[in-house]
PDB file of all heavy atoms in Angstrom:
ATOM      1  N   ALA A   1      78.708 153.466 119.312  1.00  0.00           N
ATOM      2  CA  ALA A   1      78.746 154.600 120.165  1.00  0.00           C
ATOM      3  C   ALA A   1      79.263 154.276 121.561  1.00  0.00           C
ATOM      4  O   ALA A   1      80.045 155.159 122.152  1.00  0.00           O
ATOM      5  CB  ALA A   1      77.230 155.190 120.336  1.00  0.00           C
ATOM      6  N   VAL A   2      79.000 153.106 122.088  1.00  0.00           N
ATOM      7  CA  VAL A   2      79.670 152.721 123.518  1.00  0.00           C
ATOM      8  C   VAL A   2      81.093 152.671 123.302  1.00  0.00           C
ATOM      9  O   VAL A   2      81.864 153.185 124.170  1.00  0.00           O
ATOM     10  CB  VAL A   2      78.898 151.385 123.927  1.00  0.00           C
ATOM     11  CG1 VAL A   2      79.770 150.828 125.059  1.00  0.00           C
ATOM     12  CG2 VAL A   2      77.527 151.678 124.279  1.00  0.00           C
ATOM     13  N   ASN A   3      81.634 152.086 122.196  1.00  0.00           N
ATOM     14  CA  ASN A   3      83.017 152.011 122.079  1.00  0.00           C
ATOM     15  C   ASN A   3      83.648 153.446 121.828  1.00  0.00           C
ATOM     16  O   ASN A   3      84.686 153.705 122.435  1.00  0.00           O
ATOM     17  CB  ASN A   3      83.436 151.108 120.789  1.00  0.00           C
ATOM     18  CG  ASN A   3      83.104 149.652 121.188  1.00  0.00           C
ATOM     19  OD1 ASN A   3      83.486 149.149 122.273  1.00  0.00           O
ATOM     20  ND2 ASN A   3      82.603 148.958 120.280  1.00  0.00           N
ATOM     21  N   ALA A   4      82.973 154.310 121.135  1.00  0.00           N
ATOM     22  CA  ALA A   4      83.432 155.680 120.959  1.00  0.00           C
ATOM     23  C   ALA A   4      83.479 156.355 122.411  1.00  0.00           C
ATOM     24  O   ALA A   4      84.509 156.997 122.685  1.00  0.00           O
ATOM     25  CB  ALA A   4      82.550 156.339 119.951  1.00  0.00           C
ATOM     26  N   ALA A   5      82.472 156.208 123.085  1.00  0.00           N
ATOM     27  CA  ALA A   5      82.398 156.851 124.437  1.00  0.00           C
ATOM     28  C   ALA A   5      83.548 156.361 125.385  1.00  0.00           C
ATOM     29  O   ALA A   5      84.145 157.217 126.060  1.00  0.00           O
ATOM     30  CB  ALA A   5      81.122 156.583 125.058  1.00  0.00           C
ATOM     31  N   GLU A   6      83.900 155.126 125.138  1.00  0.00           N
ATOM     32  CA  GLU A   6      84.925 154.572 125.857  1.00  0.00           C
ATOM     33  C   GLU A   6      86.254 155.129 125.549  1.00  0.00           C
ATOM     34  O   GLU A   6      87.095 155.285 126.423  1.00  0.00           O
ATOM     35  CB  GLU A   6      85.081 153.034 125.753  1.00  0.00           C
ATOM     36  CG  GLU A   6      83.965 152.218 126.403  1.00  0.00           C
ATOM     37  CD  GLU A   6      84.106 152.249 127.943  1.00  0.00           C
ATOM     38  OE1 GLU A   6      85.245 152.131 128.550  1.00  0.00           O
ATOM     39  OE2 GLU A   6      83.035 152.351 128.650  1.00  0.00           O
ATOM     40  N   GLN A   7      86.436 155.534 124.351  1.00  0.00           N
ATOM     41  CA  GLN A   7      87.685 156.097 123.838  1.00  0.00           C
ATOM     42  C   GLN A   7      87.748 157.581 124.207  1.00  0.00           C
ATOM     43  O   GLN A   7      88.801 158.129 124.432  1.00  0.00           O
ATOM     44  CB  GLN A   7      87.827 155.972 122.363  1.00  0.00           C
ATOM     45  CG  GLN A   7      88.038 154.553 121.913  1.00  0.00           C
ATOM     46  CD  GLN A   7      89.329 153.991 122.421  1.00  0.00           C
ATOM     47  OE1 GLN A   7      90.353 154.585 122.376  1.00  0.00           O
ATOM     48  NE2 GLN A   7      89.256 152.912 123.002  1.00  0.00           N
ATOM     49  N   ILE A   8      86.534 158.264 124.178  1.00  0.00           N
ATOM     50  CA  ILE A   8      86.543 159.695 124.453  1.00  0.00           C
ATOM     51  C   ILE A   8      86.660 159.988 125.863  1.00  0.00           C
ATOM     52  O   ILE A   8      87.366 160.925 126.211  1.00  0.00           O
ATOM     53  CB  ILE A   8      85.181 160.310 123.805  1.00  0.00           C
ATOM     54  CG1 ILE A   8      85.147 160.200 122.323  1.00  0.00           C
ATOM     55  CG2 ILE A   8      84.994 161.696 124.362  1.00  0.00           C
ATOM     56  CD1 ILE A   8      83.853 160.455 121.695  1.00  0.00           C
ATOM     57  N   TYR A   9      85.965 159.340 126.680  1.00  0.00           N
ATOM     58  CA  TYR A   9      85.883 159.520 128.133  1.00  0.00           C
ATOM     59  C   TYR A   9      86.752 158.368 128.884  1.00  0.00           C
ATOM     60  O   TYR A   9      86.283 157.457 129.116  1.00  0.00           O
ATOM     61  CB  TYR A   9      84.451 159.525 128.715  1.00  0.00           C
ATOM     62  CG  TYR A   9      83.577 160.601 128.053  1.00  0.00           C
ATOM     63  CD1 TYR A   9      82.774 160.235 126.958  1.00  0.00           C
ATOM     64  CD2 TYR A   9      83.678 161.923 128.400  1.00  0.00           C
ATOM     65  CE1 TYR A   9      81.907 161.219 126.512  1.00  0.00           C
ATOM     66  CE2 TYR A   9      82.841 162.965 127.871  1.00  0.00           C
ATOM     67  CZ  TYR A   9      81.946 162.557 126.868  1.00  0.00           C
ATOM     68  OH  TYR A   9      81.271 163.580 126.284  1.00  0.00           O
ATOM     69  N   THR A  10      88.061 158.735 128.996  1.00  0.00           N
ATOM     70  CA  THR A  10      89.038 157.691 129.441  1.00  0.00           C
ATOM     71  C   THR A  10      89.120 157.842 130.893  1.00  0.00           C
ATOM     72  O   THR A  10      89.730 156.746 131.560  1.00  0.00           O
ATOM     73  CB  THR A  10      90.350 157.805 128.763  1.00  0.00           C
ATOM     74  OG1 THR A  10      90.795 159.175 129.048  1.00  0.00           O
ATOM     75  CG2 THR A  10      90.162 157.615 127.237  1.00  0.00           C
ATOM     76  N   GLN A  11      88.781 158.758 131.621  1.00  0.00           N
ATOM     77  CA  GLN A  11      89.020 158.860 133.042  1.00  0.00           C
ATOM     78  C   GLN A  11      87.841 158.037 133.870  1.00  0.00           C
ATOM     79  O   GLN A  11      86.800 157.825 133.324  1.00  0.00           O
ATOM     80  CB  GLN A  11      88.940 160.376 133.513  1.00  0.00           C
ATOM     81  CG  GLN A  11      90.014 161.168 132.968  1.00  0.00           C
ATOM     82  CD  GLN A  11      89.886 162.593 133.431  1.00  0.00           C
ATOM     83  OE1 GLN A  11      88.888 163.073 134.015  1.00  0.00           O
ATOM     84  NE2 GLN A  11      90.837 163.468 133.138  1.00  0.00           N
ATOM     85  N   SER A  12      88.416 157.595 134.988  1.00  0.00           N
ATOM     86  CA  SER A  12      87.446 156.800 135.867  1.00  0.00           C
ATOM     87  C   SER A  12      86.318 157.654 136.398  1.00  0.00           C
ATOM     88  O   SER A  12      86.524 158.857 136.546  1.00  0.00           O
ATOM     89  CB  SER A  12      88.179 156.192 137.053  1.00  0.00           C
ATOM     90  OG  SER A  12      87.521 155.533 137.780  1.00  0.00           O
ATOM     91  N   GLY A  13      85.161 157.087 136.498  1.00  0.00           N
ATOM     92  CA  GLY A  13      84.040 157.803 137.125  1.00  0.00           C
ATOM     93  C   GLY A  13      83.257 158.712 136.071  1.00  0.00           C
ATOM     94  O   GLY A  13      82.460 159.525 136.433  1.00  0.00           O
ATOM     95  N   MET A  14      83.433 158.333 134.799  1.00  0.00           N
ATOM     96  CA  MET A  14      82.775 159.229 133.833  1.00  0.00           C
ATOM     97  C   MET A  14      81.567 158.363 133.175  1.00  0.00           C
ATOM     98  O   MET A  14      81.140 158.702 132.083  1.00  0.00           O
ATOM     99  CB  MET A  14      83.767 159.680 132.703  1.00  0.00           C
ATOM    100  CG  MET A  14      84.928 160.549 133.298  1.00  0.00           C
ATOM    101  SD  MET A  14      85.748 161.470 132.077  1.00  0.00           S
ATOM    102  CE  MET A  14      84.583 162.677 131.564  1.00  0.00           C
ATOM    103  N   GLY A  15      80.917 157.452 133.903  1.00  0.00           N
ATOM    104  CA  GLY A  15      79.886 156.704 133.468  1.00  0.00           C
ATOM    105  C   GLY A  15      78.736 157.456 132.869  1.00  0.00           C
ATOM    106  O   GLY A  15      78.087 157.216 131.873  1.00  0.00           O
ATOM    107  N   LYS A  16      78.282 158.515 133.655  1.00  0.00           N
ATOM    108  CA  LYS A  16      77.302 159.325 133.284  1.00  0.00           C
ATOM    109  C   LYS A  16      77.475 160.101 131.996  1.00  0.00           C
ATOM    110  O   LYS A  16      76.569 160.147 131.172  1.00  0.00           O
ATOM    111  CB  LYS A  16      76.915 160.354 134.504  1.00  0.00           C
ATOM    112  CG  LYS A  16      75.691 161.162 134.259  1.00  0.00           C
ATOM    113  CD  LYS A  16      75.346 162.148 135.357  1.00  0.00           C
ATOM    114  CE  LYS A  16      74.069 162.851 135.037  1.00  0.00           C
ATOM    115  NZ  LYS A  16      73.641 163.597 136.177  1.00  0.00           N
ATOM    116  N   GLU A  17      78.702 160.666 131.880  1.00  0.00           N
ATOM    117  CA  GLU A  17      79.056 161.343 130.627  1.00  0.00           C
ATOM    118  C   GLU A  17      79.071 160.353 129.390  1.00  0.00           C
ATOM    119  O   GLU A  17      78.561 160.738 128.341  1.00  0.00           O
ATOM    120  CB  GLU A  17      80.459 162.014 130.741  1.00  0.00           C
ATOM    121  CG  GLU A  17      80.403 163.215 131.708  1.00  0.00           C
ATOM    122  CD  GLU A  17      80.586 162.746 133.158  1.00  0.00           C
ATOM    123  OE1 GLU A  17      80.714 161.619 133.470  1.00  0.00           O
ATOM    124  OE2 GLU A  17      80.588 163.660 133.992  1.00  0.00           O
ATOM    125  N   LYS A  18      79.477 159.114 129.637  1.00  0.00           N
ATOM    126  CA  LYS A  18      79.595 158.102 128.613  1.00  0.00           C
ATOM    127  C   LYS A  18      78.090 157.897 128.145  1.00  0.00           C
ATOM    128  O   LYS A  18      77.687 157.831 126.958  1.00  0.00           O
ATOM    129  CB  LYS A  18      80.242 156.848 129.009  1.00  0.00           C
ATOM    130  CG  LYS A  18      81.773 157.026 129.239  1.00  0.00           C
ATOM    131  CD  LYS A  18      82.261 155.743 129.714  1.00  0.00           C
ATOM    132  CE  LYS A  18      83.683 155.756 130.154  1.00  0.00           C
ATOM    133  NZ  LYS A  18      84.256 154.514 130.568  1.00  0.00           N
ATOM    134  N   PHE A  19      77.257 157.625 129.102  1.00  0.00           N
ATOM    135  CA  PHE A  19      75.810 157.243 128.838  1.00  0.00           C
ATOM    136  C   PHE A  19      75.104 158.385 128.106  1.00  0.00           C
ATOM    137  O   PHE A  19      74.508 158.133 127.088  1.00  0.00           O
ATOM    138  CB  PHE A  19      75.057 156.983 130.197  1.00  0.00           C
ATOM    139  CG  PHE A  19      73.688 156.678 129.971  1.00  0.00           C
ATOM    140  CD1 PHE A  19      73.255 155.305 129.561  1.00  0.00           C
ATOM    141  CD2 PHE A  19      72.609 157.629 130.129  1.00  0.00           C
ATOM    142  CE1 PHE A  19      71.955 155.033 129.389  1.00  0.00           C
ATOM    143  CE2 PHE A  19      71.400 157.339 129.848  1.00  0.00           C
ATOM    144  CZ  PHE A  19      70.991 156.048 129.454  1.00  0.00           C
ATOM    145  N   GLU A  20      75.379 159.649 128.569  1.00  0.00           N
ATOM    146  CA  GLU A  20      74.725 160.708 127.862  1.00  0.00           C
ATOM    147  C   GLU A  20      75.278 160.919 126.462  1.00  0.00           C
ATOM    148  O   GLU A  20      74.359 161.219 125.553  1.00  0.00           O
ATOM    149  CB  GLU A  20      74.915 161.982 128.649  1.00  0.00           C
ATOM    150  CG  GLU A  20      74.147 162.036 129.935  1.00  0.00           C
ATOM    151  CD  GLU A  20      72.590 162.011 129.746  1.00  0.00           C
ATOM    152  OE1 GLU A  20      72.064 162.605 128.861  1.00  0.00           O
ATOM    153  OE2 GLU A  20      71.952 161.298 130.429  1.00  0.00           O
ATOM    154  N   TYR A  21      76.426 160.686 126.219  1.00  0.00           N
ATOM    155  CA  TYR A  21      77.118 160.706 124.911  1.00  0.00           C
ATOM    156  C   TYR A  21      76.342 159.706 123.939  1.00  0.00           C
ATOM    157  O   TYR A  21      75.946 160.047 122.825  1.00  0.00           O
ATOM    158  CB  TYR A  21      78.555 160.631 124.855  1.00  0.00           C
ATOM    159  CG  TYR A  21      79.148 160.319 123.589  1.00  0.00           C
ATOM    160  CD1 TYR A  21      79.540 161.509 122.845  1.00  0.00           C
ATOM    161  CD2 TYR A  21      79.349 159.138 123.001  1.00  0.00           C
ATOM    162  CE1 TYR A  21      80.040 161.334 121.533  1.00  0.00           C
ATOM    163  CE2 TYR A  21      79.887 158.997 121.714  1.00  0.00           C
ATOM    164  CZ  TYR A  21      80.274 160.132 121.141  1.00  0.00           C
ATOM    165  OH  TYR A  21      80.805 159.957 119.739  1.00  0.00           O
ATOM    166  N   VAL A  22      76.234 158.519 124.407  1.00  0.00           N
ATOM    167  CA  VAL A  22      75.658 157.421 123.675  1.00  0.00           C
ATOM    168  C   VAL A  22      74.167 157.808 123.442  1.00  0.00           C
ATOM    169  O   VAL A  22      73.712 157.705 122.289  1.00  0.00           O
ATOM    170  CB  VAL A  22      75.789 156.093 124.332  1.00  0.00           C
ATOM    171  CG1 VAL A  22      75.062 154.956 123.556  1.00  0.00           C
ATOM    172  CG2 VAL A  22      77.276 155.680 124.425  1.00  0.00           C
ATOM    173  N   LYS A  23      73.534 158.212 124.432  1.00  0.00           N
ATOM    174  CA  LYS A  23      72.005 158.437 124.353  1.00  0.00           C
ATOM    175  C   LYS A  23      71.779 159.547 123.319  1.00  0.00           C
ATOM    176  O   LYS A  23      71.016 159.384 122.509  1.00  0.00           O
ATOM    177  CB  LYS A  23      71.525 158.875 125.719  1.00  0.00           C
ATOM    178  CG  LYS A  23      70.036 159.174 125.762  1.00  0.00           C
ATOM    179  CD  LYS A  23      69.715 159.503 127.161  1.00  0.00           C
ATOM    180  CE  LYS A  23      68.405 160.360 127.187  1.00  0.00           C
ATOM    181  NZ  LYS A  23      68.104 160.937 128.415  1.00  0.00           N
ATOM    182  N   GLU A  24      72.623 160.649 123.501  1.00  0.00           N
ATOM    183  CA  GLU A  24      72.261 161.731 122.498  1.00  0.00           C
ATOM    184  C   GLU A  24      72.661 161.390 121.094  1.00  0.00           C
ATOM    185  O   GLU A  24      71.978 161.793 120.199  1.00  0.00           O
ATOM    186  CB  GLU A  24      73.110 163.011 122.927  1.00  0.00           C
ATOM    187  CG  GLU A  24      72.585 163.578 124.180  1.00  0.00           C
ATOM    188  CD  GLU A  24      71.185 163.928 124.206  1.00  0.00           C
ATOM    189  OE1 GLU A  24      70.678 164.564 123.317  1.00  0.00           O
ATOM    190  OE2 GLU A  24      70.510 163.684 125.226  1.00  0.00           O
ATOM    191  N   TRP A  25      73.711 160.599 120.903  1.00  0.00           N
ATOM    192  CA  TRP A  25      74.174 160.276 119.638  1.00  0.00           C
ATOM    193  C   TRP A  25      73.094 159.302 118.910  1.00  0.00           C
ATOM    194  O   TRP A  25      72.698 159.574 117.744  1.00  0.00           O
ATOM    195  CB  TRP A  25      75.546 159.563 119.501  1.00  0.00           C
ATOM    196  CG  TRP A  25      76.100 159.485 118.218  1.00  0.00           C
ATOM    197  CD1 TRP A  25      76.708 160.378 117.582  1.00  0.00           C
ATOM    198  CD2 TRP A  25      76.107 158.191 117.374  1.00  0.00           C
ATOM    199  NE1 TRP A  25      77.155 159.947 116.327  1.00  0.00           N
ATOM    200  CE2 TRP A  25      76.754 158.483 116.291  1.00  0.00           C
ATOM    201  CE3 TRP A  25      75.653 156.967 117.617  1.00  0.00           C
ATOM    202  CZ2 TRP A  25      77.004 157.535 115.223  1.00  0.00           C
ATOM    203  CZ3 TRP A  25      75.802 156.047 116.566  1.00  0.00           C
ATOM    204  CH2 TRP A  25      76.434 156.379 115.308  1.00  0.00           C
ATOM    205  N   ILE A  26      72.627 158.365 119.575  1.00  0.00           N
ATOM    206  CA  ILE A  26      71.636 157.472 119.126  1.00  0.00           C
ATOM    207  C   ILE A  26      70.329 158.099 118.895  1.00  0.00           C
ATOM    208  O   ILE A  26      69.619 157.916 117.871  1.00  0.00           O
ATOM    209  CB  ILE A  26      71.409 156.182 120.061  1.00  0.00           C
ATOM    210  CG1 ILE A  26      72.696 155.375 120.119  1.00  0.00           C
ATOM    211  CG2 ILE A  26      70.166 155.334 119.629  1.00  0.00           C
ATOM    212  CD1 ILE A  26      73.102 154.793 118.832  1.00  0.00           C
ATOM    213  N   LYS A  27      69.970 159.033 119.836  1.00  0.00           N
ATOM    214  CA  LYS A  27      68.630 159.708 119.638  1.00  0.00           C
ATOM    215  C   LYS A  27      68.721 160.625 118.472  1.00  0.00           C
ATOM    216  O   LYS A  27      67.658 160.866 117.800  1.00  0.00           O
ATOM    217  CB  LYS A  27      68.225 160.584 120.995  1.00  0.00           C
ATOM    218  CG  LYS A  27      68.102 159.703 122.150  1.00  0.00           C
ATOM    219  CD  LYS A  27      66.614 159.093 122.087  1.00  0.00           C
ATOM    220  CE  LYS A  27      65.764 160.104 122.809  1.00  0.00           C
ATOM    221  NZ  LYS A  27      64.355 159.556 122.941  1.00  0.00           N
ATOM    222  N   SER A  28      69.899 161.066 118.130  1.00  0.00           N
ATOM    223  CA  SER A  28      69.935 161.946 116.787  1.00  0.00           C
ATOM    224  C   SER A  28      69.775 161.089 115.528  1.00  0.00           C
ATOM    225  O   SER A  28      69.511 161.704 114.520  1.00  0.00           O
ATOM    226  CB  SER A  28      71.293 162.756 116.813  1.00  0.00           C
ATOM    227  OG  SER A  28      72.325 161.992 116.403  1.00  0.00           O
ATOM    228  N   LYS A  29      70.012 159.718 115.652  1.00  0.00           N
ATOM    229  CA  LYS A  29      69.999 158.937 114.480  1.00  0.00           C
ATOM    230  C   LYS A  29      68.696 158.067 114.293  1.00  0.00           C
ATOM    231  O   LYS A  29      68.221 157.671 113.276  1.00  0.00           O
ATOM    232  CB  LYS A  29      71.193 157.963 114.523  1.00  0.00           C
ATOM    233  CG  LYS A  29      72.391 158.672 114.674  1.00  0.00           C
ATOM    234  CD  LYS A  29      72.966 159.175 113.380  1.00  0.00           C
ATOM    235  CE  LYS A  29      74.457 159.716 113.636  1.00  0.00           C
ATOM    236  NZ  LYS A  29      74.583 161.114 113.185  1.00  0.00           N
ATOM    237  N   PHE A  30      68.107 157.631 115.485  1.00  0.00           N
ATOM    238  CA  PHE A  30      66.901 156.795 115.606  1.00  0.00           C
ATOM    239  C   PHE A  30      65.801 157.321 116.472  1.00  0.00           C
ATOM    240  O   PHE A  30      66.101 158.053 117.390  1.00  0.00           O
ATOM    241  CB  PHE A  30      67.385 155.418 116.242  1.00  0.00           C
ATOM    242  CG  PHE A  30      68.366 154.680 115.319  1.00  0.00           C
ATOM    243  CD1 PHE A  30      69.782 154.887 115.717  1.00  0.00           C
ATOM    244  CD2 PHE A  30      68.141 153.768 114.489  1.00  0.00           C
ATOM    245  CE1 PHE A  30      70.751 154.225 114.996  1.00  0.00           C
ATOM    246  CE2 PHE A  30      68.977 153.093 113.730  1.00  0.00           C
ATOM    247  CZ  PHE A  30      70.365 153.319 113.964  1.00  0.00           C
ATOM    248  N   HIS A  31      64.540 156.947 116.205  1.00  0.00           N
ATOM    249  CA  HIS A  31      63.497 157.319 116.930  1.00  0.00           C
ATOM    250  C   HIS A  31      63.244 156.180 117.870  1.00  0.00           C
ATOM    251  O   HIS A  31      62.805 155.050 117.569  1.00  0.00           O
ATOM    252  CB  HIS A  31      62.277 157.451 116.026  1.00  0.00           C
ATOM    253  CG  HIS A  31      61.135 157.915 116.904  1.00  0.00           C
ATOM    254  ND1 HIS A  31      60.989 159.102 117.647  1.00  0.00           N
ATOM    255  CD2 HIS A  31      59.934 157.094 117.127  1.00  0.00           C
ATOM    256  CE1 HIS A  31      59.735 159.081 118.168  1.00  0.00           C
ATOM    257  NE2 HIS A  31      59.114 157.914 117.983  1.00  0.00           N
ATOM    258  N   ILE A  32      63.555 156.306 119.253  1.00  0.00           N
ATOM    259  CA  ILE A  32      63.408 155.199 120.175  1.00  0.00           C
ATOM    260  C   ILE A  32      63.048 155.892 121.536  1.00  0.00           C
ATOM    261  O   ILE A  32      63.475 157.027 121.774  1.00  0.00           O
ATOM    262  CB  ILE A  32      64.833 154.371 120.209  1.00  0.00           C
ATOM    263  CG1 ILE A  32      64.626 153.145 121.193  1.00  0.00           C
ATOM    264  CG2 ILE A  32      65.960 155.291 120.553  1.00  0.00           C
ATOM    265  CD1 ILE A  32      65.718 152.142 121.090  1.00  0.00           C
ATOM    266  N   SER A  33      62.340 155.055 122.367  1.00  0.00           N
ATOM    267  CA  SER A  33      62.066 155.657 123.725  1.00  0.00           C
ATOM    268  C   SER A  33      63.286 155.632 124.518  1.00  0.00           C
ATOM    269  O   SER A  33      64.233 154.754 124.415  1.00  0.00           O
ATOM    270  CB  SER A  33      60.941 154.722 124.316  1.00  0.00           C
ATOM    271  OG  SER A  33      61.358 153.499 124.641  1.00  0.00           O
ATOM    272  N   ASP A  34      63.258 156.435 125.655  1.00  0.00           N
ATOM    273  CA  ASP A  34      64.477 156.600 126.527  1.00  0.00           C
ATOM    274  C   ASP A  34      64.621 155.108 127.253  1.00  0.00           C
ATOM    275  O   ASP A  34      65.766 154.768 127.420  1.00  0.00           O
ATOM    276  CB  ASP A  34      64.237 157.665 127.589  1.00  0.00           C
ATOM    277  CG  ASP A  34      64.514 159.019 126.967  1.00  0.00           C
ATOM    278  OD1 ASP A  34      65.111 159.070 125.856  1.00  0.00           O
ATOM    279  OD2 ASP A  34      64.088 159.828 127.572  1.00  0.00           O
ATOM    280  N   GLU A  35      63.592 154.582 127.608  1.00  0.00           N
ATOM    281  CA  GLU A  35      63.581 153.331 128.268  1.00  0.00           C
ATOM    282  C   GLU A  35      64.190 152.256 127.490  1.00  0.00           C
ATOM    283  O   GLU A  35      65.057 151.392 127.933  1.00  0.00           O
ATOM    284  CB  GLU A  35      62.168 152.891 128.852  1.00  0.00           C
ATOM    285  CG  GLU A  35      62.223 151.637 129.692  1.00  0.00           C
ATOM    286  CD  GLU A  35      60.936 151.296 130.192  1.00  0.00           C
ATOM    287  OE1 GLU A  35      59.967 152.167 130.380  1.00  0.00           O
ATOM    288  OE2 GLU A  35      60.652 149.944 130.474  1.00  0.00           O
ATOM    289  N   ASP A  36      63.783 152.090 126.241  1.00  0.00           N
ATOM    290  CA  ASP A  36      64.275 151.049 125.369  1.00  0.00           C
ATOM    291  C   ASP A  36      65.748 151.240 125.056  1.00  0.00           C
ATOM    292  O   ASP A  36      66.518 150.381 125.121  1.00  0.00           O
ATOM    293  CB  ASP A  36      63.492 151.050 124.006  1.00  0.00           C
ATOM    294  CG  ASP A  36      62.173 150.387 124.165  1.00  0.00           C
ATOM    295  OD1 ASP A  36      61.825 149.706 125.140  1.00  0.00           O
ATOM    296  OD2 ASP A  36      61.246 150.577 123.237  1.00  0.00           O
ATOM    297  N   LEU A  37      66.045 152.561 124.833  1.00  0.00           N
ATOM    298  CA  LEU A  37      67.524 152.946 124.601  1.00  0.00           C
ATOM    299  C   LEU A  37      68.410 152.609 125.704  1.00  0.00           C
ATOM    300  O   LEU A  37      69.479 152.005 125.589  1.00  0.00           O
ATOM    301  CB  LEU A  37      67.535 154.463 124.253  1.00  0.00           C
ATOM    302  CG  LEU A  37      68.981 154.833 123.874  1.00  0.00           C
ATOM    303  CD1 LEU A  37      69.594 154.013 122.706  1.00  0.00           C
ATOM    304  CD2 LEU A  37      69.054 156.248 123.476  1.00  0.00           C
ATOM    305  N   LYS A  38      67.806 152.888 126.996  1.00  0.00           N
ATOM    306  CA  LYS A  38      68.625 152.578 128.120  1.00  0.00           C
ATOM    307  C   LYS A  38      68.976 151.112 128.236  1.00  0.00           C
ATOM    308  O   LYS A  38      70.023 150.641 128.466  1.00  0.00           O
ATOM    309  CB  LYS A  38      67.820 153.082 129.425  1.00  0.00           C
ATOM    310  CG  LYS A  38      68.726 152.767 130.748  1.00  0.00           C
ATOM    311  CD  LYS A  38      67.871 153.192 131.915  1.00  0.00           C
ATOM    312  CE  LYS A  38      68.708 152.966 133.205  1.00  0.00           C
ATOM    313  NZ  LYS A  38      68.694 151.743 133.637  1.00  0.00           N
ATOM    314  N   ASN A  39      67.932 150.336 128.054  1.00  0.00           N
ATOM    315  CA  ASN A  39      68.052 148.825 128.016  1.00  0.00           C
ATOM    316  C   ASN A  39      69.053 148.329 126.914  1.00  0.00           C
ATOM    317  O   ASN A  39      69.970 147.558 127.266  1.00  0.00           O
ATOM    318  CB  ASN A  39      66.773 148.070 127.787  1.00  0.00           C
ATOM    319  CG  ASN A  39      65.849 148.236 128.991  1.00  0.00           C
ATOM    320  OD1 ASN A  39      66.298 148.447 130.110  1.00  0.00           O
ATOM    321  ND2 ASN A  39      64.507 148.291 128.789  1.00  0.00           N
TER     322      ASN A  39
END
């Protein structure tokens, strides 16, 4: 998901969008707390 976000959001300064993309994609596939997922 991180690699996919890197390919999707190519402009500088899009870290928040990348993080949200990864977070939402993983949360749709796995049951995990936000804190654990962030780490």
